[in-house]
Amino acid sequence: MPPITFTQISNAFEYGFKRDYVSGVAISYNAKLAAIASEDQAFPDHMGLDFDAIEKSLQPKKGKKHKLPLGAAASTISQQTAKNVFLWQGGGVFKYIRKIPETYFTLLIELIWGKKRILEVYLNCIEMGPGVFGIEAASQKYFGKHASSLSREEAAMIIACLPNPKRFSVKPISSRVAWRYPQILQEMRNIEDDEDILSLIK
């Protein structure tokens, strides 16, 4: 695991940061399943870039802003991992400057790390609350237990704070998290019998 990332450094000045890196076997099946169900259901099948989701994100519906269905974010788990570990956050012009190195690092980790390692690093490095990085730190903060012991509901609630964990609070639960985590639970049930997904999370 990286000793520290750019995102963690930038947060430390304002929020401090708490992190507890753990191995993949110390992360519950439920947390892995919730992350894939919510963030990237095509994770086992793509090579880092989900072109179908990207195409959908570029086709707004008439009269309203288009929203991708749950589990179909244009930014894959691999892309989010590459961005969090090697690059920086932020929108505007910096978002577009970041895309070329993000694509490079995404393809590189797909080639070198493989899916299980990418999922492990993702769940250890992503921000899950102001200054809270990784599923172990989030699990300890919100539920007073190790990430290996998270229930389905607890895992879904933590993942539901994404993509804006500073705004969408797990505890006290924000309206956004309360609305979204039951949907994640349903998606977890929908994809749980997928053999490719099971091979990554068991």
N, C-alpha and C. Protein backbone atom coordinates (compact mmCIF):
# COMPACT_ATOMS: atom_id res chain seq x y z
N MET A 1 0.84 -1.19 0.00
CA MET A 1 0.00 0.00 0.00
C MET A 1 0.88 1.25 0.00
N PRO A 2 0.44 2.32 -0.66
CA PRO A 2 1.22 3.55 -0.64
C PRO A 2 1.29 4.11 0.77
N PRO A 3 2.45 4.63 1.21
CA PRO A 3 2.56 5.19 2.56
C PRO A 3 1.61 6.37 2.77
N ILE A 4 1.42 7.17 1.73
CA ILE A 4 0.47 8.29 1.79
C ILE A 4 0.19 8.73 0.36
N THR A 5 -1.00 9.26 0.12
CA THR A 5 -1.37 9.70 -1.22
C THR A 5 -1.55 11.22 -1.23
N PHE A 6 -1.61 11.79 -2.44
CA PHE A 6 -1.81 13.23 -2.58
C PHE A 6 -3.13 13.65 -1.93
N THR A 7 -4.17 12.83 -2.10
CA THR A 7 -5.47 13.15 -1.52
C THR A 7 -5.40 13.17 -0.01
N GLN A 8 -4.70 12.22 0.58
CA GLN A 8 -4.56 12.18 2.03
C GLN A 8 -3.78 13.38 2.54
N ILE A 9 -2.73 13.76 1.82
CA ILE A 9 -1.94 14.93 2.23
C ILE A 9 -2.80 16.19 2.20
N SER A 10 -3.57 16.36 1.13
CA SER A 10 -4.39 17.57 1.00
C SER A 10 -5.48 17.63 2.06
N ASN A 11 -5.98 16.46 2.49
CA ASN A 11 -7.00 16.42 3.53
C ASN A 11 -6.43 16.65 4.91
N ALA A 12 -5.18 16.27 5.11
CA ALA A 12 -4.60 16.31 6.45
C ALA A 12 -4.59 17.71 7.04
N PHE A 13 -4.41 18.71 6.21
CA PHE A 13 -4.34 20.08 6.71
C PHE A 13 -5.68 20.56 7.27
N GLU A 14 -6.78 20.13 6.65
CA GLU A 14 -8.10 20.60 7.07
C GLU A 14 -8.82 19.63 7.98
N TYR A 15 -8.71 18.33 7.69
CA TYR A 15 -9.51 17.34 8.42
C TYR A 15 -8.66 16.37 9.26
N GLY A 16 -7.33 16.41 9.07
CA GLY A 16 -6.53 15.33 9.61
C GLY A 16 -6.80 14.10 8.76
N PHE A 17 -6.19 12.98 9.07
CA PHE A 17 -6.60 11.77 8.36
C PHE A 17 -6.34 10.54 9.21
N LYS A 18 -7.26 9.62 9.07
CA LYS A 18 -7.17 8.33 9.75
C LYS A 18 -7.20 7.24 8.70
N ARG A 19 -6.30 6.30 8.81
CA ARG A 19 -6.26 5.19 7.87
C ARG A 19 -5.72 3.96 8.58
N ASP A 20 -6.17 2.83 8.16
CA ASP A 20 -5.71 1.55 8.69
C ASP A 20 -5.73 0.56 7.54
N TYR A 21 -4.60 0.38 6.90
CA TYR A 21 -4.54 -0.54 5.78
C TYR A 21 -4.64 -1.98 6.27
N VAL A 22 -5.44 -2.77 5.57
CA VAL A 22 -5.60 -4.18 5.92
C VAL A 22 -5.50 -5.00 4.63
N SER A 23 -5.21 -6.28 4.78
CA SER A 23 -5.12 -7.15 3.62
C SER A 23 -6.51 -7.47 3.08
N GLY A 24 -6.56 -7.99 1.88
CA GLY A 24 -7.84 -8.32 1.27
C GLY A 24 -8.64 -9.32 2.08
N VAL A 25 -7.96 -10.25 2.74
CA VAL A 25 -8.68 -11.26 3.52
C VAL A 25 -9.28 -10.67 4.79
N ALA A 26 -8.82 -9.48 5.19
CA ALA A 26 -9.35 -8.81 6.37
C ALA A 26 -10.48 -7.83 6.03
N ILE A 27 -10.91 -7.85 4.78
CA ILE A 27 -12.04 -7.03 4.34
C ILE A 27 -13.20 -7.96 4.07
N SER A 28 -14.34 -7.65 4.64
CA SER A 28 -15.48 -8.57 4.54
C SER A 28 -15.95 -8.74 3.09
N TYR A 29 -16.43 -9.91 2.84
CA TYR A 29 -17.12 -10.23 1.58
C TYR A 29 -18.16 -9.17 1.28
N ASN A 30 -18.90 -8.74 2.31
CA ASN A 30 -19.99 -7.77 2.13
C ASN A 30 -19.48 -6.43 1.62
N ALA A 31 -18.33 -5.98 2.12
CA ALA A 31 -17.78 -4.70 1.68
C ALA A 31 -17.33 -4.77 0.22
N LYS A 32 -16.71 -5.88 -0.16
CA LYS A 32 -16.26 -6.04 -1.55
C LYS A 32 -17.47 -6.09 -2.48
N LEU A 33 -18.48 -6.83 -2.08
CA LEU A 33 -19.68 -6.95 -2.91
C LEU A 33 -20.39 -5.61 -3.03
N ALA A 34 -20.49 -4.87 -1.93
CA ALA A 34 -21.16 -3.56 -1.96
C ALA A 34 -20.43 -2.59 -2.88
N ALA A 35 -19.09 -2.60 -2.83
CA ALA A 35 -18.32 -1.69 -3.68
C ALA A 35 -18.55 -1.98 -5.15
N ILE A 36 -18.52 -3.25 -5.54
CA ILE A 36 -18.74 -3.60 -6.94
C ILE A 36 -20.18 -3.30 -7.35
N ALA A 37 -21.14 -3.63 -6.48
CA ALA A 37 -22.55 -3.41 -6.78
C ALA A 37 -22.85 -1.94 -7.01
N SER A 38 -22.23 -1.07 -6.22
CA SER A 38 -22.52 0.35 -6.29
C SER A 38 -21.69 1.09 -7.33
N GLU A 39 -20.41 0.73 -7.40
CA GLU A 39 -19.48 1.56 -8.16
C GLU A 39 -19.13 1.04 -9.55
N ASP A 40 -19.17 -0.30 -9.75
CA ASP A 40 -18.63 -0.80 -11.02
C ASP A 40 -19.01 -2.27 -11.21
N GLN A 41 -20.23 -2.51 -11.64
CA GLN A 41 -20.68 -3.90 -11.79
C GLN A 41 -19.98 -4.64 -12.92
N ALA A 42 -19.38 -3.90 -13.83
CA ALA A 42 -18.64 -4.52 -14.94
C ALA A 42 -17.17 -4.74 -14.57
N PHE A 43 -16.81 -4.52 -13.32
CA PHE A 43 -15.42 -4.60 -12.87
C PHE A 43 -14.70 -5.88 -13.30
N PRO A 44 -15.31 -7.06 -13.20
CA PRO A 44 -14.59 -8.27 -13.61
C PRO A 44 -14.34 -8.38 -15.10
N ASP A 45 -15.08 -7.60 -15.89
CA ASP A 45 -15.12 -7.83 -17.35
C ASP A 45 -14.31 -6.84 -18.17
N HIS A 46 -14.07 -5.63 -17.65
CA HIS A 46 -13.36 -4.64 -18.45
C HIS A 46 -11.87 -4.64 -18.12
N MET A 47 -11.10 -3.92 -18.92
CA MET A 47 -9.66 -3.80 -18.68
C MET A 47 -9.32 -2.43 -18.10
N GLY A 48 -10.21 -1.93 -17.26
CA GLY A 48 -9.95 -0.66 -16.57
C GLY A 48 -10.86 0.45 -17.01
N LEU A 49 -11.28 0.43 -18.28
CA LEU A 49 -12.15 1.47 -18.83
C LEU A 49 -13.46 0.82 -19.29
N ASP A 50 -14.57 1.33 -18.80
CA ASP A 50 -15.88 0.80 -19.17
C ASP A 50 -16.47 1.71 -20.25
N PHE A 51 -16.25 1.35 -21.51
CA PHE A 51 -16.66 2.22 -22.62
C PHE A 51 -18.17 2.32 -22.74
N ASP A 52 -18.90 1.27 -22.36
CA ASP A 52 -20.36 1.34 -22.40
C ASP A 52 -20.88 2.40 -21.43
N ALA A 53 -20.32 2.41 -20.20
CA ALA A 53 -20.75 3.40 -19.21
C ALA A 53 -20.35 4.81 -19.63
N ILE A 54 -19.17 4.94 -20.23
CA ILE A 54 -18.73 6.26 -20.71
C ILE A 54 -19.68 6.78 -21.78
N GLU A 55 -20.06 5.90 -22.70
CA GLU A 55 -20.98 6.30 -23.77
C GLU A 55 -22.33 6.74 -23.19
N LYS A 56 -22.84 6.00 -22.21
CA LYS A 56 -24.12 6.36 -21.60
C LYS A 56 -24.03 7.71 -20.89
N SER A 57 -22.88 7.97 -20.26
CA SER A 57 -22.72 9.22 -19.53
C SER A 57 -22.68 10.43 -20.45
N LEU A 58 -22.38 10.20 -21.73
CA LEU A 58 -22.29 11.29 -22.70
C LEU A 58 -23.58 11.49 -23.48
N GLN A 59 -24.64 10.76 -23.12
CA GLN A 59 -25.90 10.84 -23.84
C GLN A 59 -27.03 11.28 -22.90
N PRO A 60 -27.11 12.61 -22.62
CA PRO A 60 -28.16 13.09 -21.72
C PRO A 60 -29.54 12.92 -22.33
N LYS A 61 -30.51 12.62 -21.47
CA LYS A 61 -31.89 12.52 -21.93
C LYS A 61 -32.47 13.91 -22.13
N LYS A 62 -33.43 14.02 -23.02
CA LYS A 62 -34.05 15.31 -23.30
C LYS A 62 -34.80 15.81 -22.07
N GLY A 63 -34.58 17.10 -21.78
CA GLY A 63 -35.36 17.75 -20.73
C GLY A 63 -34.85 17.56 -19.33
N LYS A 64 -33.84 16.71 -19.11
CA LYS A 64 -33.30 16.54 -17.77
C LYS A 64 -31.90 15.96 -17.84
N LYS A 65 -31.19 16.20 -16.76
CA LYS A 65 -29.83 15.70 -16.69
C LYS A 65 -29.84 14.18 -16.60
N HIS A 66 -29.04 13.55 -17.43
CA HIS A 66 -28.99 12.09 -17.45
C HIS A 66 -28.21 11.56 -16.25
N LYS A 67 -28.74 10.55 -15.62
CA LYS A 67 -28.04 9.90 -14.53
C LYS A 67 -27.84 8.43 -14.87
N LEU A 68 -26.61 7.96 -14.67
CA LEU A 68 -26.33 6.56 -14.91
C LEU A 68 -27.06 5.71 -13.88
N PRO A 69 -27.48 4.51 -14.26
CA PRO A 69 -28.09 3.62 -13.28
C PRO A 69 -27.09 3.22 -12.22
N LEU A 70 -27.61 2.80 -11.06
CA LEU A 70 -26.76 2.36 -9.97
C LEU A 70 -25.82 1.27 -10.47
N GLY A 71 -24.53 1.39 -10.09
CA GLY A 71 -23.56 0.39 -10.50
C GLY A 71 -22.98 0.62 -11.88
N ALA A 72 -23.28 1.77 -12.49
CA ALA A 72 -22.81 2.02 -13.85
C ALA A 72 -22.09 3.36 -13.95
N ALA A 73 -21.25 3.66 -12.96
CA ALA A 73 -20.50 4.91 -12.99
C ALA A 73 -19.52 4.90 -14.14
N ALA A 74 -19.34 6.08 -14.78
CA ALA A 74 -18.42 6.16 -15.91
C ALA A 74 -16.98 5.93 -15.46
N SER A 75 -16.66 6.27 -14.21
CA SER A 75 -15.33 6.07 -13.67
C SER A 75 -15.29 4.72 -12.96
N THR A 76 -14.50 3.80 -13.47
CA THR A 76 -14.46 2.44 -12.93
C THR A 76 -13.70 2.40 -11.60
N ILE A 77 -13.81 1.28 -10.91
CA ILE A 77 -13.02 1.08 -9.69
C ILE A 77 -11.54 1.19 -10.00
N SER A 78 -11.12 0.67 -11.13
CA SER A 78 -9.70 0.75 -11.52
C SER A 78 -9.27 2.20 -11.73
N GLN A 79 -10.10 2.99 -12.40
CA GLN A 79 -9.78 4.40 -12.60
C GLN A 79 -9.73 5.15 -11.27
N GLN A 80 -10.71 4.89 -10.42
CA GLN A 80 -10.73 5.56 -9.12
C GLN A 80 -9.50 5.20 -8.29
N THR A 81 -9.08 3.95 -8.39
CA THR A 81 -7.89 3.51 -7.67
C THR A 81 -6.65 4.22 -8.19
N ALA A 82 -6.51 4.27 -9.50
CA ALA A 82 -5.36 4.95 -10.11
C ALA A 82 -5.32 6.41 -9.70
N LYS A 83 -6.48 7.06 -9.73
CA LYS A 83 -6.56 8.48 -9.37
C LYS A 83 -6.19 8.69 -7.91
N ASN A 84 -6.73 7.84 -7.03
CA ASN A 84 -6.50 8.01 -5.59
C ASN A 84 -5.06 7.70 -5.19
N VAL A 85 -4.44 6.73 -5.83
CA VAL A 85 -3.11 6.31 -5.42
C VAL A 85 -2.01 7.15 -6.06
N PHE A 86 -2.13 7.45 -7.34
CA PHE A 86 -1.03 8.06 -8.07
C PHE A 86 -1.23 9.54 -8.41
N LEU A 87 -2.49 10.01 -8.40
CA LEU A 87 -2.77 11.34 -8.93
C LEU A 87 -3.46 12.21 -7.89
N TRP A 88 -4.34 13.07 -8.33
CA TRP A 88 -4.95 14.05 -7.45
C TRP A 88 -6.44 14.15 -7.72
N GLN A 89 -7.17 14.74 -6.76
CA GLN A 89 -8.60 14.95 -6.91
C GLN A 89 -8.85 16.31 -7.54
N GLY A 90 -10.12 16.65 -7.69
CA GLY A 90 -10.46 17.98 -8.17
C GLY A 90 -11.11 17.97 -9.53
N GLY A 91 -11.94 18.98 -9.77
CA GLY A 91 -12.64 19.09 -11.03
C GLY A 91 -12.07 20.22 -11.88
N GLY A 92 -12.93 20.79 -12.71
CA GLY A 92 -12.51 21.88 -13.58
C GLY A 92 -11.45 21.44 -14.57
N VAL A 93 -10.55 22.33 -14.89
CA VAL A 93 -9.53 22.04 -15.89
C VAL A 93 -8.59 20.93 -15.43
N PHE A 94 -8.39 20.81 -14.10
CA PHE A 94 -7.48 19.78 -13.58
C PHE A 94 -8.02 18.38 -13.85
N LYS A 95 -9.34 18.26 -13.91
CA LYS A 95 -9.94 16.96 -14.22
C LYS A 95 -9.54 16.49 -15.60
N TYR A 96 -9.50 17.39 -16.56
CA TYR A 96 -9.17 17.03 -17.93
C TYR A 96 -7.66 16.81 -18.10
N ILE A 97 -6.87 17.58 -17.37
CA ILE A 97 -5.42 17.37 -17.40
C ILE A 97 -5.07 16.00 -16.84
N ARG A 98 -5.86 15.56 -15.85
CA ARG A 98 -5.58 14.30 -15.17
C ARG A 98 -5.92 13.07 -16.01
N LYS A 99 -6.79 13.22 -17.01
CA LYS A 99 -7.33 12.05 -17.70
C LYS A 99 -6.27 11.21 -18.41
N ILE A 100 -5.28 11.84 -19.02
CA ILE A 100 -4.26 11.06 -19.74
C ILE A 100 -3.42 10.22 -18.78
N PRO A 101 -2.83 10.82 -17.73
CA PRO A 101 -2.09 9.95 -16.80
C PRO A 101 -2.99 8.97 -16.06
N GLU A 102 -4.25 9.34 -15.82
CA GLU A 102 -5.18 8.42 -15.16
C GLU A 102 -5.40 7.18 -16.02
N THR A 103 -5.57 7.38 -17.32
CA THR A 103 -5.75 6.24 -18.22
C THR A 103 -4.50 5.36 -18.25
N TYR A 104 -3.34 5.99 -18.28
CA TYR A 104 -2.08 5.24 -18.27
C TYR A 104 -1.96 4.38 -17.03
N PHE A 105 -2.15 4.99 -15.85
CA PHE A 105 -2.00 4.24 -14.60
C PHE A 105 -3.10 3.18 -14.45
N THR A 106 -4.29 3.47 -14.97
CA THR A 106 -5.37 2.48 -14.91
C THR A 106 -4.99 1.22 -15.68
N LEU A 107 -4.52 1.39 -16.89
CA LEU A 107 -4.13 0.24 -17.70
C LEU A 107 -2.93 -0.49 -17.09
N LEU A 108 -2.02 0.29 -16.48
CA LEU A 108 -0.83 -0.30 -15.87
C LEU A 108 -1.20 -1.19 -14.69
N ILE A 109 -2.07 -0.71 -13.80
CA ILE A 109 -2.42 -1.53 -12.63
C ILE A 109 -3.27 -2.73 -13.03
N GLU A 110 -4.08 -2.57 -14.08
CA GLU A 110 -4.82 -3.73 -14.58
C GLU A 110 -3.86 -4.81 -15.03
N LEU A 111 -2.79 -4.40 -15.69
CA LEU A 111 -1.82 -5.35 -16.22
C LEU A 111 -0.97 -5.97 -15.13
N ILE A 112 -0.52 -5.16 -14.16
CA ILE A 112 0.45 -5.62 -13.17
C ILE A 112 -0.22 -6.16 -11.91
N TRP A 113 -1.24 -5.46 -11.40
CA TRP A 113 -1.85 -5.85 -10.13
C TRP A 113 -2.91 -6.93 -10.29
N GLY A 114 -3.78 -6.77 -11.26
CA GLY A 114 -4.92 -7.67 -11.39
C GLY A 114 -6.09 -7.20 -10.54
N LYS A 115 -7.24 -7.82 -10.75
CA LYS A 115 -8.50 -7.32 -10.18
C LYS A 115 -8.55 -7.40 -8.65
N LYS A 116 -8.12 -8.52 -8.09
CA LYS A 116 -8.22 -8.67 -6.63
C LYS A 116 -7.38 -7.61 -5.92
N ARG A 117 -6.17 -7.39 -6.43
CA ARG A 117 -5.29 -6.39 -5.82
C ARG A 117 -5.86 -4.98 -5.99
N ILE A 118 -6.41 -4.69 -7.15
CA ILE A 118 -7.00 -3.37 -7.38
C ILE A 118 -8.15 -3.14 -6.40
N LEU A 119 -9.02 -4.12 -6.22
CA LEU A 119 -10.14 -3.97 -5.30
C LEU A 119 -9.65 -3.78 -3.86
N GLU A 120 -8.61 -4.50 -3.49
CA GLU A 120 -8.04 -4.36 -2.15
C GLU A 120 -7.48 -2.96 -1.93
N VAL A 121 -6.72 -2.46 -2.89
CA VAL A 121 -6.13 -1.12 -2.76
C VAL A 121 -7.23 -0.06 -2.76
N TYR A 122 -8.20 -0.23 -3.63
CA TYR A 122 -9.34 0.70 -3.69
C TYR A 122 -10.01 0.83 -2.32
N LEU A 123 -10.33 -0.30 -1.71
CA LEU A 123 -11.04 -0.28 -0.44
C LEU A 123 -10.16 0.18 0.71
N ASN A 124 -8.86 0.20 0.51
CA ASN A 124 -7.96 0.70 1.55
C ASN A 124 -7.64 2.18 1.41
N CYS A 125 -7.79 2.73 0.21
CA CYS A 125 -7.32 4.09 -0.05
C CYS A 125 -8.41 5.13 -0.25
N ILE A 126 -9.61 4.70 -0.63
CA ILE A 126 -10.64 5.67 -0.96
C ILE A 126 -11.14 6.38 0.30
N GLU A 127 -11.49 7.65 0.15
CA GLU A 127 -12.00 8.44 1.28
C GLU A 127 -13.45 8.02 1.57
N MET A 128 -13.75 7.78 2.85
CA MET A 128 -15.07 7.33 3.26
C MET A 128 -15.62 8.18 4.40
N GLY A 129 -15.23 9.42 4.41
CA GLY A 129 -15.63 10.39 5.42
C GLY A 129 -14.55 11.45 5.49
N PRO A 130 -14.83 12.61 6.07
CA PRO A 130 -13.81 13.66 6.15
C PRO A 130 -12.56 13.18 6.89
N GLY A 131 -11.48 12.99 6.16
CA GLY A 131 -10.24 12.53 6.76
C GLY A 131 -10.22 11.05 7.10
N VAL A 132 -11.22 10.30 6.65
CA VAL A 132 -11.30 8.86 6.94
C VAL A 132 -11.02 8.10 5.65
N PHE A 133 -9.92 7.36 5.62
CA PHE A 133 -9.50 6.67 4.40
C PHE A 133 -9.48 5.17 4.61
N GLY A 134 -10.19 4.47 3.74
CA GLY A 134 -10.18 3.02 3.76
C GLY A 134 -11.30 2.42 4.58
N ILE A 135 -11.65 1.20 4.21
CA ILE A 135 -12.79 0.52 4.80
C ILE A 135 -12.55 0.17 6.27
N GLU A 136 -11.31 -0.11 6.66
CA GLU A 136 -11.04 -0.44 8.06
C GLU A 136 -11.24 0.79 8.96
N ALA A 137 -10.69 1.92 8.55
CA ALA A 137 -10.86 3.15 9.34
C ALA A 137 -12.34 3.54 9.41
N ALA A 138 -13.05 3.40 8.29
CA ALA A 138 -14.48 3.74 8.26
C ALA A 138 -15.28 2.79 9.15
N SER A 139 -14.96 1.52 9.09
CA SER A 139 -15.67 0.53 9.90
C SER A 139 -15.47 0.80 11.39
N GLN A 140 -14.25 1.12 11.77
CA GLN A 140 -13.96 1.42 13.17
C GLN A 140 -14.67 2.69 13.61
N LYS A 141 -14.65 3.71 12.75
CA LYS A 141 -15.26 5.00 13.12
C LYS A 141 -16.77 4.91 13.24
N TYR A 142 -17.43 4.28 12.28
CA TYR A 142 -18.89 4.30 12.23
C TYR A 142 -19.55 3.17 13.01
N PHE A 143 -18.88 2.02 13.10
CA PHE A 143 -19.54 0.86 13.70
C PHE A 143 -18.73 0.18 14.80
N GLY A 144 -17.52 0.70 15.09
CA GLY A 144 -16.73 0.17 16.18
C GLY A 144 -16.32 -1.27 16.00
N LYS A 145 -16.05 -1.67 14.78
CA LYS A 145 -15.66 -3.05 14.51
C LYS A 145 -14.67 -3.09 13.35
N HIS A 146 -14.04 -4.24 13.18
CA HIS A 146 -13.11 -4.41 12.07
C HIS A 146 -13.88 -4.59 10.76
N ALA A 147 -13.22 -4.23 9.67
CA ALA A 147 -13.84 -4.34 8.34
C ALA A 147 -14.21 -5.78 8.01
N SER A 148 -13.53 -6.72 8.61
CA SER A 148 -13.82 -8.13 8.36
C SER A 148 -15.18 -8.55 8.90
N SER A 149 -15.74 -7.74 9.82
CA SER A 149 -17.00 -8.11 10.48
C SER A 149 -18.20 -7.30 10.00
N LEU A 150 -18.03 -6.48 8.99
CA LEU A 150 -19.14 -5.64 8.52
C LEU A 150 -20.31 -6.47 8.01
N SER A 151 -21.50 -6.12 8.43
CA SER A 151 -22.71 -6.75 7.90
C SER A 151 -23.01 -6.19 6.52
N ARG A 152 -23.96 -6.77 5.86
CA ARG A 152 -24.36 -6.28 4.54
C ARG A 152 -24.85 -4.83 4.63
N GLU A 153 -25.71 -4.56 5.62
CA GLU A 153 -26.28 -3.23 5.78
C GLU A 153 -25.18 -2.21 6.09
N GLU A 154 -24.26 -2.55 6.97
CA GLU A 154 -23.19 -1.63 7.34
C GLU A 154 -22.28 -1.35 6.16
N ALA A 155 -21.93 -2.38 5.41
CA ALA A 155 -21.08 -2.20 4.24
C ALA A 155 -21.77 -1.30 3.21
N ALA A 156 -23.06 -1.54 2.98
CA ALA A 156 -23.81 -0.73 2.01
C ALA A 156 -23.90 0.72 2.45
N MET A 157 -24.05 0.95 3.75
CA MET A 157 -24.13 2.33 4.25
C MET A 157 -22.81 3.07 4.03
N ILE A 158 -21.69 2.40 4.29
CA ILE A 158 -20.40 3.06 4.07
C ILE A 158 -20.19 3.37 2.60
N ILE A 159 -20.46 2.41 1.73
CA ILE A 159 -20.26 2.63 0.30
C ILE A 159 -21.23 3.69 -0.23
N ALA A 160 -22.39 3.83 0.40
CA ALA A 160 -23.39 4.81 -0.04
C ALA A 160 -22.93 6.25 0.14
N CYS A 161 -21.88 6.48 0.92
CA CYS A 161 -21.39 7.85 1.09
C CYS A 161 -20.62 8.33 -0.13
N LEU A 162 -20.25 7.41 -1.01
CA LEU A 162 -19.54 7.78 -2.23
C LEU A 162 -20.53 8.33 -3.25
N PRO A 163 -20.14 9.29 -4.06
CA PRO A 163 -18.80 9.79 -4.32
C PRO A 163 -18.42 11.04 -3.54
N ASN A 164 -19.22 11.45 -2.57
CA ASN A 164 -18.94 12.69 -1.84
C ASN A 164 -19.01 12.44 -0.34
N PRO A 165 -18.00 11.78 0.24
CA PRO A 165 -18.07 11.41 1.65
C PRO A 165 -18.00 12.57 2.62
N LYS A 166 -17.56 13.72 2.16
CA LYS A 166 -17.58 14.89 3.04
C LYS A 166 -18.99 15.44 3.19
N ARG A 167 -19.81 15.24 2.20
CA ARG A 167 -21.18 15.76 2.21
C ARG A 167 -22.18 14.70 2.66
N PHE A 168 -21.99 13.46 2.23
CA PHE A 168 -22.94 12.39 2.53
C PHE A 168 -22.44 11.59 3.74
N SER A 169 -23.02 11.86 4.87
CA SER A 169 -22.55 11.30 6.13
C SER A 169 -23.14 9.91 6.40
N VAL A 170 -22.28 9.01 6.90
CA VAL A 170 -22.73 7.68 7.31
C VAL A 170 -23.35 7.75 8.71
N LYS A 171 -22.67 8.42 9.63
CA LYS A 171 -23.21 8.64 10.98
C LYS A 171 -22.85 10.05 11.42
N PRO A 172 -23.83 10.89 11.75
CA PRO A 172 -25.28 10.62 11.61
C PRO A 172 -25.64 10.44 10.15
N ILE A 173 -26.57 9.56 9.88
CA ILE A 173 -26.87 9.20 8.50
C ILE A 173 -27.53 10.35 7.76
N SER A 174 -26.99 10.70 6.61
CA SER A 174 -27.57 11.76 5.78
C SER A 174 -28.74 11.19 4.98
N SER A 175 -29.57 12.07 4.48
CA SER A 175 -30.72 11.61 3.71
C SER A 175 -30.27 10.88 2.44
N ARG A 176 -29.15 11.31 1.86
CA ARG A 176 -28.63 10.66 0.65
C ARG A 176 -28.21 9.22 0.93
N VAL A 177 -27.50 9.01 2.03
CA VAL A 177 -27.07 7.65 2.39
C VAL A 177 -28.27 6.79 2.75
N ALA A 178 -29.23 7.36 3.50
CA ALA A 178 -30.43 6.62 3.88
C ALA A 178 -31.23 6.20 2.65
N TRP A 179 -31.23 7.03 1.63
CA TRP A 179 -31.96 6.73 0.39
C TRP A 179 -31.21 5.70 -0.44
N ARG A 180 -29.88 5.80 -0.47
CA ARG A 180 -29.13 4.99 -1.42
C ARG A 180 -28.79 3.59 -0.91
N TYR A 181 -28.52 3.44 0.38
CA TYR A 181 -27.98 2.13 0.79
C TYR A 181 -28.96 0.97 0.59
N PRO A 182 -30.28 1.17 0.70
CA PRO A 182 -31.17 0.05 0.37
C PRO A 182 -31.09 -0.34 -1.11
N GLN A 183 -30.84 0.62 -1.97
CA GLN A 183 -30.66 0.31 -3.38
C GLN A 183 -29.39 -0.52 -3.60
N ILE A 184 -28.34 -0.18 -2.88
CA ILE A 184 -27.10 -0.95 -2.99
C ILE A 184 -27.32 -2.37 -2.50
N LEU A 185 -28.07 -2.53 -1.42
CA LEU A 185 -28.40 -3.87 -0.92
C LEU A 185 -29.12 -4.69 -1.99
N GLN A 186 -30.05 -4.05 -2.70
CA GLN A 186 -30.76 -4.76 -3.76
C GLN A 186 -29.81 -5.15 -4.89
N GLU A 187 -28.93 -4.24 -5.27
CA GLU A 187 -27.96 -4.55 -6.32
C GLU A 187 -27.01 -5.66 -5.87
N MET A 188 -26.66 -5.69 -4.60
CA MET A 188 -25.82 -6.77 -4.09
C MET A 188 -26.51 -8.12 -4.28
N ARG A 189 -27.80 -8.16 -4.00
CA ARG A 189 -28.56 -9.40 -4.21
C ARG A 189 -28.61 -9.76 -5.69
N ASN A 190 -28.74 -8.74 -6.53
CA ASN A 190 -28.87 -8.99 -7.97
C ASN A 190 -27.61 -9.60 -8.58
N ILE A 191 -26.45 -9.20 -8.10
CA ILE A 191 -25.20 -9.64 -8.74
C ILE A 191 -24.49 -10.76 -7.98
N GLU A 192 -25.03 -11.16 -6.85
CA GLU A 192 -24.30 -12.06 -5.96
C GLU A 192 -24.05 -13.45 -6.55
N ASP A 193 -24.84 -13.86 -7.53
CA ASP A 193 -24.62 -15.18 -8.11
C ASP A 193 -23.74 -15.15 -9.35
N ASP A 194 -23.15 -14.00 -9.65
CA ASP A 194 -22.25 -13.88 -10.78
C ASP A 194 -20.91 -14.53 -10.43
N GLU A 195 -20.54 -15.56 -11.16
CA GLU A 195 -19.35 -16.32 -10.82
C GLU A 195 -18.07 -15.49 -10.92
N ASP A 196 -18.01 -14.58 -11.88
CA ASP A 196 -16.82 -13.75 -12.04
C ASP A 196 -16.65 -12.82 -10.85
N ILE A 197 -17.76 -12.27 -10.35
CA ILE A 197 -17.70 -11.41 -9.17
C ILE A 197 -17.34 -12.22 -7.94
N LEU A 198 -17.96 -13.38 -7.78
CA LEU A 198 -17.67 -14.23 -6.63
C LEU A 198 -16.19 -14.62 -6.56
N SER A 199 -15.59 -14.83 -7.71
CA SER A 199 -14.17 -15.23 -7.72
C SER A 199 -13.26 -14.12 -7.21
N LEU A 200 -13.74 -12.88 -7.25
CA LEU A 200 -12.92 -11.74 -6.81
C LEU A 200 -13.12 -11.41 -5.35
N ILE A 201 -14.27 -11.75 -4.79
CA ILE A 201 -14.59 -11.28 -3.44
C ILE A 201 -14.50 -12.34 -2.36
N LYS A 202 -14.38 -13.61 -2.77
CA LYS A 202 -14.28 -14.67 -1.76
C LYS A 202 -12.84 -14.83 -1.27
